Protein backbone atom coordinates (compact mmCIF):
# COMPACT_ATOMS: atom_id res chain seq x y z
CA MET A 1 37.05 165.06 183.37
CA VAL A 2 38.58 163.98 180.06
CA TYR A 3 37.29 160.91 178.28
CA GLU A 4 39.47 159.15 175.77
CA LYS A 5 37.82 157.85 172.66
CA TYR A 6 39.25 154.65 171.26
CA TYR A 7 39.18 153.79 167.59
CA TYR A 8 39.51 150.31 166.14
CA ALA A 9 41.02 149.29 162.85
CA TYR A 10 39.28 146.13 161.71
CA ILE A 11 39.14 143.65 158.87
CA ASN A 12 35.98 141.74 158.10
CA THR A 13 35.60 138.85 155.69
CA ASN A 14 32.85 136.67 154.27
CA LYS A 15 32.23 132.98 154.97
CA SER A 16 34.49 131.74 152.21
CA HIS A 17 37.32 134.19 153.10
CA ASN A 18 37.66 135.47 149.54
CA VAL A 19 36.42 139.05 150.17
CA PHE A 20 37.93 141.39 152.76
CA TYR A 21 36.78 144.78 154.02
CA ALA A 22 39.00 147.08 156.10
CA GLY A 23 37.65 149.96 158.16
CA VAL A 24 38.03 152.17 161.23
CA THR A 25 35.35 152.75 163.87
CA ASN A 26 34.90 153.79 167.48
CA ASN A 27 32.18 151.17 168.10
CA LEU A 28 33.15 147.78 166.73
CA LEU A 29 29.97 145.90 167.69
CA ASN A 30 27.67 148.57 166.25
CA ARG A 31 29.67 148.80 163.04
CA ASN A 32 29.51 145.05 162.48
CA LYS A 33 25.73 145.17 162.95
CA GLU A 34 25.57 147.93 160.33
CA HIS A 35 27.39 145.62 157.91
CA GLN A 36 24.88 142.84 158.64
CA ASP A 37 21.85 145.10 158.22
CA LYS A 38 23.19 146.73 155.03
CA GLU A 39 22.02 150.12 156.35
CA SER A 40 23.58 152.37 153.71
CA ARG A 41 22.57 152.09 150.06
CA ASN A 42 26.09 153.03 148.98
CA SER A 43 27.88 150.63 151.29
CA PHE A 44 30.40 148.00 150.21
CA THR A 45 28.14 145.16 151.34
CA VAL A 46 25.24 146.42 149.22
CA LYS A 47 27.35 147.36 146.19
CA TYR A 48 29.07 143.99 145.95
CA ASN A 49 26.27 141.98 147.60
CA GLU A 50 28.70 140.41 150.06
CA MET A 51 28.13 139.61 153.71
CA VAL A 52 31.50 140.64 155.13
CA THR A 53 30.35 140.30 158.73
CA LYS A 54 32.89 137.84 160.08
CA LEU A 55 35.49 139.74 162.11
CA PHE A 56 38.89 138.66 160.89
CA ARG A 57 41.14 140.99 162.93
CA SER A 58 40.91 144.17 165.02
CA GLU A 59 43.33 146.42 166.88
CA ILE A 60 43.01 149.55 168.99
């Protein structure tokens, strides 16, 4: 049995819509949670201290 893996291109923004973050992931919900939790010390959200957790657009 062959399982297809889907990847999502997504754009997140902050509340005031003046910062945008583009990325690719295979688990959109999990990735957004990672942005909220600021899991990686080297991440965009930590480096620029922005909460870019509002999903602006996504496509498969």
